[in-house]
Amino acid sequence: MNPGRLRPEPDSKTCMGSSLPRAVAVALIGVSGLALGAGAVADDTKGPLKVCADPDSLPQSNTNGEGYENRIAEKLASDLGQKVQYTFFPQRMGFVRNTLRQKDENGQFKCDVIIGVPKGYELTATTQPYMHSTYAIVLPVRGKLASIQSPGDLLKLPPEQLQTLKIGTFVRSPGVDWLLRNKMLDQAVYYVQQSGDIHENPAVMVERDLVAGTIDLAVAWGPVAGYLAGRHSGPNGWRTIAFKPEPGITFDYEISMGVRFGEKEWKDTLDAWIAGHRREINEILVSYGIPLVADQGNSIAPAAKDSTM
């Protein structure tokens, strides 16, 4: 998920810095008699794995199952011996209320897990994180910015070149903080995380303007940046540059799964699965070009050269 897409419900407290969550985002064990080994056969008597998801928000998820959250859900379901059943709703205000907390006509909850929420998200209980990513710059491989290899390189451009750049960024995000710090707010082209159109997601907005030349580069959540670079690969395509930590600006966030409060047994099951499948999860994330922050230190795991959408 994009850390700016899920927002508090009207009756909840906010826990966001720059309008984003600051706390965002063992051996394999059996929990409550469930065998979580790879290759489990789907057992219809168990019922489906009921997943809450956005129907049109790549690279996270869509109704065609093309997002990395879809792939993680499929892997989880396979190992639990279940099949995935989705409840789709746009991932914005009201998402948790209309999915994880809502019951169907039979009095059963519509879905039981959100694959991507920030670690410590206030509207759900959260598992241990399975992804640690960071904001990144997405820009063309060739052209006037071909020599740029880090955010610092961008700032070293001659003033007459730097000041002509149009930079896409999302309001109330680390990108705005970074532009403000470096006196480039006047060059920003602003996007909102949630427009009135449920099909207008961050990847769509940035891609449209980069293709049209309305902006020269954009600062976006790492999974979005990696996804766009994967869609426009090759010598004339796009690439990403991940932000590393800077004092006073939080670029990186940890992403967990979200479940209902009080369902400790279910949360423990998911925690056990995540702990035992980190390699497979990382392979999925890297295949989407997602920049991953290493578990130790500040280094950034290299993104995949090609995206497997």
Protein backbone atom coordinates (compact mmCIF):
# COMPACT_ATOMS: atom_id res chain seq x y z
CA MET A 1 0.00 0.00 0.00
CA ASN A 2 0.92 3.62 -0.33
CA PRO A 3 1.36 5.03 3.22
CA GLY A 4 -0.76 8.02 2.26
CA ARG A 5 -3.75 6.05 0.96
CA LEU A 6 -5.13 4.73 4.24
CA ARG A 7 -6.36 7.56 6.42
CA PRO A 8 -8.05 7.56 9.84
CA GLU A 9 -11.81 7.22 10.04
CA PRO A 10 -13.60 10.39 11.17
CA ASP A 11 -13.82 9.17 14.78
CA SER A 12 -10.20 8.10 15.14
CA LYS A 13 -7.11 9.89 16.36
CA THR A 14 -4.41 10.78 13.88
CA CYS A 15 -0.94 9.35 14.31
CA MET A 16 0.68 10.69 11.20
CA GLY A 17 3.80 12.76 10.68
CA SER A 18 3.74 14.68 7.40
CA SER A 19 0.23 13.14 7.36
CA LEU A 20 1.87 9.73 7.30
CA PRO A 21 2.29 7.16 10.07
CA ARG A 22 5.71 7.55 11.75
CA ALA A 23 5.74 3.98 12.90
CA VAL A 24 5.10 2.97 9.20
CA ALA A 25 5.41 0.10 8.20
CA VAL A 26 12.45 -17.97 14.13
CA ALA A 27 11.59 -20.94 12.51
CA LEU A 28 8.32 -21.60 10.80
CA ILE A 29 5.90 -22.74 13.50
CA GLY A 30 2.40 -24.15 13.64
CA VAL A 31 -0.29 -22.12 15.39
CA SER A 32 -3.57 -23.59 16.60
CA GLY A 33 -2.92 -26.81 14.73
CA LEU A 34 -2.46 -25.13 11.33
CA ALA A 35 0.32 -26.53 9.20
CA LEU A 36 1.87 -23.54 7.45
CA GLY A 37 4.28 -25.43 5.23
CA ALA A 38 4.73 -24.59 1.56
CA GLY A 39 2.72 -26.53 -0.97
CA ALA A 40 -0.36 -27.13 1.17
CA VAL A 41 -3.38 -28.30 -0.81
CA ALA A 42 -6.44 -26.06 -0.71
CA ASP A 43 -9.05 -27.48 1.66
CA ASP A 44 -12.56 -26.25 0.93
CA THR A 45 -13.69 -27.30 4.40
CA LYS A 46 -11.52 -24.55 5.87
CA GLY A 47 -13.36 -21.84 4.01
CA PRO A 48 -11.65 -19.09 2.01
CA LEU A 49 -8.93 -16.69 3.06
CA LYS A 50 -11.01 -13.51 3.05
CA VAL A 51 -8.86 -10.55 1.99
CA CYS A 52 -9.78 -6.85 2.06
CA ALA A 53 -8.27 -5.05 -0.95
CA ASP A 54 -8.41 -2.08 -3.29
CA PRO A 55 -9.90 -3.03 -6.69
CA ASP A 56 -7.74 -0.62 -8.74
CA SER A 57 -4.51 0.51 -7.10
CA LEU A 58 -1.47 -1.03 -8.73
CA PRO A 59 1.17 -1.93 -7.82
CA GLN A 60 -0.60 -2.98 -4.60
CA SER A 61 -3.73 -4.75 -5.84
CA ASN A 62 -6.48 -4.90 -8.42
CA THR A 63 -9.39 -7.15 -9.38
CA ASN A 64 -7.19 -9.03 -11.88
CA GLY A 65 -4.76 -10.09 -9.16
CA GLU A 66 -1.83 -8.22 -10.71
CA GLY A 67 -0.48 -6.46 -7.61
CA TYR A 68 2.19 -7.57 -5.16
CA GLU A 69 -0.40 -7.67 -2.38
CA ASN A 70 -2.44 -10.06 -4.55
CA ARG A 71 0.58 -12.29 -4.98
CA ILE A 72 1.36 -12.27 -1.27
CA ALA A 73 -2.27 -13.13 -0.52
CA GLU A 74 -2.16 -16.04 -2.98
CA LYS A 75 1.04 -17.36 -1.43
CA LEU A 76 -0.41 -17.05 2.07
CA ALA A 77 -3.63 -18.81 1.07
CA SER A 78 -1.74 -21.63 -0.63
CA ASP A 79 0.35 -22.29 2.47
CA LEU A 80 -2.75 -22.25 4.69
CA GLY A 81 -4.51 -24.65 2.37
CA GLN A 82 -7.16 -22.09 1.43
CA LYS A 83 -8.36 -20.12 -1.57
CA VAL A 84 -8.44 -16.32 -1.71
CA GLN A 85 -11.78 -14.53 -1.61
CA TYR A 86 -11.66 -10.75 -1.96
CA THR A 87 -13.81 -7.97 -0.61
CA PHE A 88 -12.92 -4.97 -2.76
CA PHE A 89 -13.34 -1.35 -1.68
CA PRO A 90 -11.27 1.75 -2.58
CA GLN A 91 -8.44 2.06 -0.06
CA ARG A 92 -9.21 5.48 1.35
CA MET A 93 -11.40 6.97 4.07
CA GLY A 94 -13.94 4.35 5.10
CA PHE A 95 -11.91 1.40 3.84
CA VAL A 96 -11.53 -0.40 7.18
CA ARG A 97 -15.11 0.37 8.19
CA ASN A 98 -16.48 -1.06 4.94
CA THR A 99 -14.27 -4.14 4.79
CA LEU A 100 -12.55 -5.52 7.88
CA ARG A 101 -15.21 -4.25 10.30
CA GLN A 102 -18.31 -4.82 8.19
CA LYS A 103 -20.48 -7.96 8.34
CA ASP A 104 -22.42 -9.55 5.51
CA GLU A 105 -26.10 -10.56 5.48
CA ASN A 106 -25.20 -13.75 7.38
CA GLY A 107 -23.56 -11.86 10.21
CA GLN A 108 -20.03 -12.87 9.16
CA PHE A 109 -17.22 -10.37 8.69
CA LYS A 110 -16.72 -9.65 5.02
CA CYS A 111 -12.96 -10.12 5.18
CA ASP A 112 -10.30 -10.97 7.74
CA VAL A 113 -6.99 -9.44 6.67
CA ILE A 114 -5.66 -6.33 4.93
CA ILE A 115 -2.41 -7.30 3.26
CA GLY A 116 -0.81 -3.85 3.52
CA VAL A 117 -1.13 -1.33 6.37
CA PRO A 118 1.54 0.77 8.11
CA LYS A 119 3.16 -0.87 11.11
CA GLY A 120 1.24 0.29 14.17
CA TYR A 121 -1.75 1.47 12.12
CA GLU A 122 -4.32 2.73 14.61
CA LEU A 123 -7.44 1.25 13.01
CA THR A 124 -6.26 -2.36 13.07
CA ALA A 125 -4.03 -4.68 15.00
CA THR A 126 -0.85 -5.16 12.96
CA THR A 127 1.45 -8.09 12.38
CA GLN A 128 5.21 -7.92 12.34
CA PRO A 129 6.30 -5.96 9.25
CA TYR A 130 6.96 -7.85 6.02
CA MET A 131 8.16 -4.87 3.96
CA HIS A 132 10.43 -1.93 4.74
CA SER A 133 10.55 0.50 1.83
CA THR A 134 11.34 4.13 1.23
CA TYR A 135 10.31 7.05 -0.92
CA ALA A 136 12.18 7.33 -4.20
CA ILE A 137 12.68 9.56 -7.21
CA VAL A 138 11.47 8.25 -10.55
CA LEU A 139 13.09 9.88 -13.59
CA PRO A 140 14.10 9.15 -17.20
CA VAL A 141 17.14 6.98 -17.88
CA ARG A 142 18.39 9.33 -20.58
CA GLY A 143 18.30 13.06 -21.21
CA LYS A 144 19.32 15.98 -19.04
CA LEU A 145 19.13 13.95 -15.81
CA ALA A 146 21.06 10.90 -17.03
CA SER A 147 24.03 11.61 -14.74
CA ILE A 148 21.95 11.82 -11.55
CA GLN A 149 22.67 8.88 -9.24
CA SER A 150 21.42 10.24 -5.89
CA PRO A 151 19.15 12.98 -4.53
CA GLY A 152 22.34 14.84 -3.64
CA ASP A 153 23.47 14.80 -7.27
CA LEU A 154 20.23 16.50 -8.23
CA LEU A 155 20.90 19.31 -5.79
CA LYS A 156 24.39 19.82 -7.27
CA LEU A 157 23.06 20.68 -10.71
CA PRO A 158 23.85 24.22 -11.89
CA PRO A 159 21.17 26.61 -10.57
CA GLU A 160 20.08 27.56 -14.08
CA GLN A 161 19.33 23.87 -14.77
CA LEU A 162 17.97 22.89 -11.37
CA GLN A 163 15.50 25.76 -11.22
CA THR A 164 13.86 24.81 -14.51
CA LEU A 165 12.87 21.31 -13.33
CA LYS A 166 9.24 20.47 -12.62
CA ILE A 167 9.00 17.93 -9.81
CA GLY A 168 5.87 15.90 -9.08
CA THR A 169 5.15 15.25 -5.40
CA PHE A 170 2.24 14.35 -3.16
CA VAL A 171 0.86 16.89 -0.71
CA ARG A 172 1.72 16.30 2.94
CA SER A 173 4.42 13.77 2.07
CA PRO A 174 8.18 13.47 2.66
CA GLY A 175 8.67 14.73 -0.89
CA VAL A 176 7.22 18.10 0.10
CA ASP A 177 9.45 18.21 3.19
CA TRP A 178 12.50 17.53 1.03
CA LEU A 179 11.60 20.19 -1.53
CA LEU A 180 10.94 22.70 1.26
CA ARG A 181 14.30 21.97 2.88
CA ASN A 182 16.06 22.53 -0.44
CA LYS A 183 14.09 25.63 -1.44
CA MET A 184 12.40 24.03 -4.44
CA LEU A 185 8.72 24.27 -3.50
CA ASP A 186 8.09 26.68 -6.38
CA GLN A 187 9.04 23.89 -8.78
CA ALA A 188 6.59 21.36 -7.38
CA VAL A 189 3.61 19.94 -9.22
CA TYR A 190 1.31 18.72 -6.44
CA TYR A 191 -0.85 15.60 -6.36
CA VAL A 192 -3.39 14.54 -3.76
CA GLN A 193 -3.31 10.97 -2.45
CA GLN A 194 -7.08 10.62 -2.75
CA SER A 195 -8.97 12.41 -5.50
CA GLY A 196 -12.69 12.19 -6.14
CA ASP A 197 -12.04 9.57 -8.82
CA ILE A 198 -11.38 6.13 -7.28
CA HIS A 199 -9.40 5.15 -10.38
CA GLU A 200 -6.99 8.07 -9.95
CA ASN A 201 -4.27 6.44 -7.92
CA PRO A 202 -0.68 7.71 -7.37
CA ALA A 203 0.87 5.56 -10.11
CA VAL A 204 -1.67 6.72 -12.69
CA MET A 205 -1.16 10.40 -11.87
CA VAL A 206 2.64 10.32 -11.94
CA GLU A 207 2.81 8.16 -15.06
CA ARG A 208 0.48 10.43 -17.02
CA ASP A 209 2.50 13.57 -16.30
CA LEU A 210 5.91 11.97 -16.85
CA VAL A 211 4.78 10.63 -20.23
CA ALA A 212 3.33 14.02 -21.19
CA GLY A 213 6.44 15.90 -20.06
CA THR A 214 4.43 17.97 -17.58
CA ILE A 215 7.02 17.00 -14.97
CA ASP A 216 10.69 16.06 -15.31
CA LEU A 217 10.77 13.71 -12.32
CA ALA A 218 8.64 12.73 -9.35
CA VAL A 219 9.04 11.83 -5.69
CA ALA A 220 6.80 8.86 -4.86
CA TRP A 221 6.40 6.00 -2.40
CA GLY A 222 9.00 3.36 -3.31
CA PRO A 223 6.61 0.64 -4.55
CA VAL A 224 4.92 3.17 -6.85
CA ALA A 225 8.26 4.42 -8.18
CA GLY A 226 9.54 0.88 -8.75
CA TYR A 227 6.33 -0.16 -10.48
CA LEU A 228 6.53 2.78 -12.89
CA ALA A 229 10.17 2.07 -13.69
CA GLY A 230 9.20 -1.53 -14.43
CA ARG A 231 6.43 -0.41 -16.78
CA HIS A 232 8.87 1.87 -18.63
CA SER A 233 12.02 -0.23 -18.71
CA GLY A 234 14.81 -0.18 -21.26
CA PRO A 235 17.39 2.37 -22.44
CA ASN A 236 14.74 5.02 -23.10
CA GLY A 237 12.68 4.21 -20.06
CA TRP A 238 12.61 5.31 -16.44
CA ARG A 239 14.63 4.46 -13.35
CA THR A 240 14.43 5.01 -9.61
CA ILE A 241 16.70 6.57 -7.00
CA ALA A 242 15.84 5.67 -3.41
CA PHE A 243 16.10 8.19 -0.61
CA LYS A 244 18.35 7.33 2.30
CA PRO A 245 17.65 8.69 5.81
CA GLU A 246 18.05 12.40 6.39
CA PRO A 247 17.77 14.15 9.76
CA GLY A 248 14.26 15.49 10.28
CA ILE A 249 12.60 13.73 7.32
CA THR A 250 11.16 10.21 7.46
CA PHE A 251 11.36 8.62 4.02
CA ASP A 252 11.08 4.97 5.00
CA TYR A 253 8.08 3.07 6.40
CA GLU A 254 7.40 -0.50 7.48
CA ILE A 255 4.34 -2.29 6.14
CA SER A 256 2.45 -5.02 8.02
CA MET A 257 -0.79 -6.94 7.63
CA GLY A 258 -3.86 -5.61 9.43
CA VAL A 259 -6.42 -7.66 11.37
CA ARG A 260 -9.22 -6.90 13.82
CA PHE A 261 -8.30 -6.07 17.39
CA GLY A 262 -8.70 -8.98 19.79
CA GLU A 263 -8.06 -11.73 17.22
CA LYS A 264 -4.73 -12.77 18.71
CA GLU A 265 -4.78 -16.34 17.40
CA TRP A 266 -5.25 -15.13 13.80
CA LYS A 267 -2.57 -12.48 14.23
CA ASP A 268 -0.17 -15.10 15.62
CA THR A 269 -0.86 -17.30 12.60
CA LEU A 270 0.05 -14.47 10.24
CA ASP A 271 3.12 -13.54 12.27
CA ALA A 272 4.33 -17.13 12.05
CA TRP A 273 3.76 -17.23 8.30
CA ILE A 274 5.61 -13.94 7.72
CA ALA A 275 8.55 -15.09 9.86
CA GLY A 276 8.84 -18.32 7.91
CA HIS A 277 8.44 -16.86 4.42
CA ARG A 278 10.55 -13.71 4.34
CA ARG A 279 12.63 -14.94 1.42
CA GLU A 280 9.56 -15.66 -0.72
CA ILE A 281 7.94 -12.35 0.26
CA ASN A 282 11.10 -10.42 -0.63
CA GLU A 283 11.27 -12.19 -3.98
CA ILE A 284 7.77 -10.95 -4.76
CA LEU A 285 8.59 -7.40 -3.68
CA VAL A 286 11.87 -7.26 -5.60
CA SER A 287 10.15 -8.58 -8.74
CA TYR A 288 8.07 -5.38 -8.68
CA GLY A 289 11.19 -3.21 -8.47
CA ILE A 290 10.41 -2.10 -4.91
CA PRO A 291 13.37 -0.45 -3.15
CA LEU A 292 13.82 -2.30 0.15
CA VAL A 293 15.58 -0.92 3.19
CA ALA A 294 18.00 -3.48 4.58
CA ASP A 295 17.27 -4.92 8.02
CA GLN A 296 20.56 -3.58 9.35
CA GLY A 297 21.95 -0.16 8.60
CA ASN A 298 20.74 2.33 6.07
CA SER A 299 21.66 0.55 2.86
CA ILE A 300 19.02 0.07 0.20
CA ALA A 301 18.51 -3.32 -1.39
CA PRO A 302 18.86 -3.04 -5.18
CA ALA A 303 15.64 -3.09 -7.16
CA ALA A 304 15.10 -5.70 -9.84
CA LYS A 305 16.08 -4.67 -13.37
CA ASP A 306 12.84 -6.00 -14.80
CA SER A 307 9.35 -5.98 -13.36
CA THR A 308 7.20 -9.10 -13.51
CA MET A 309 3.70 -7.70 -13.44
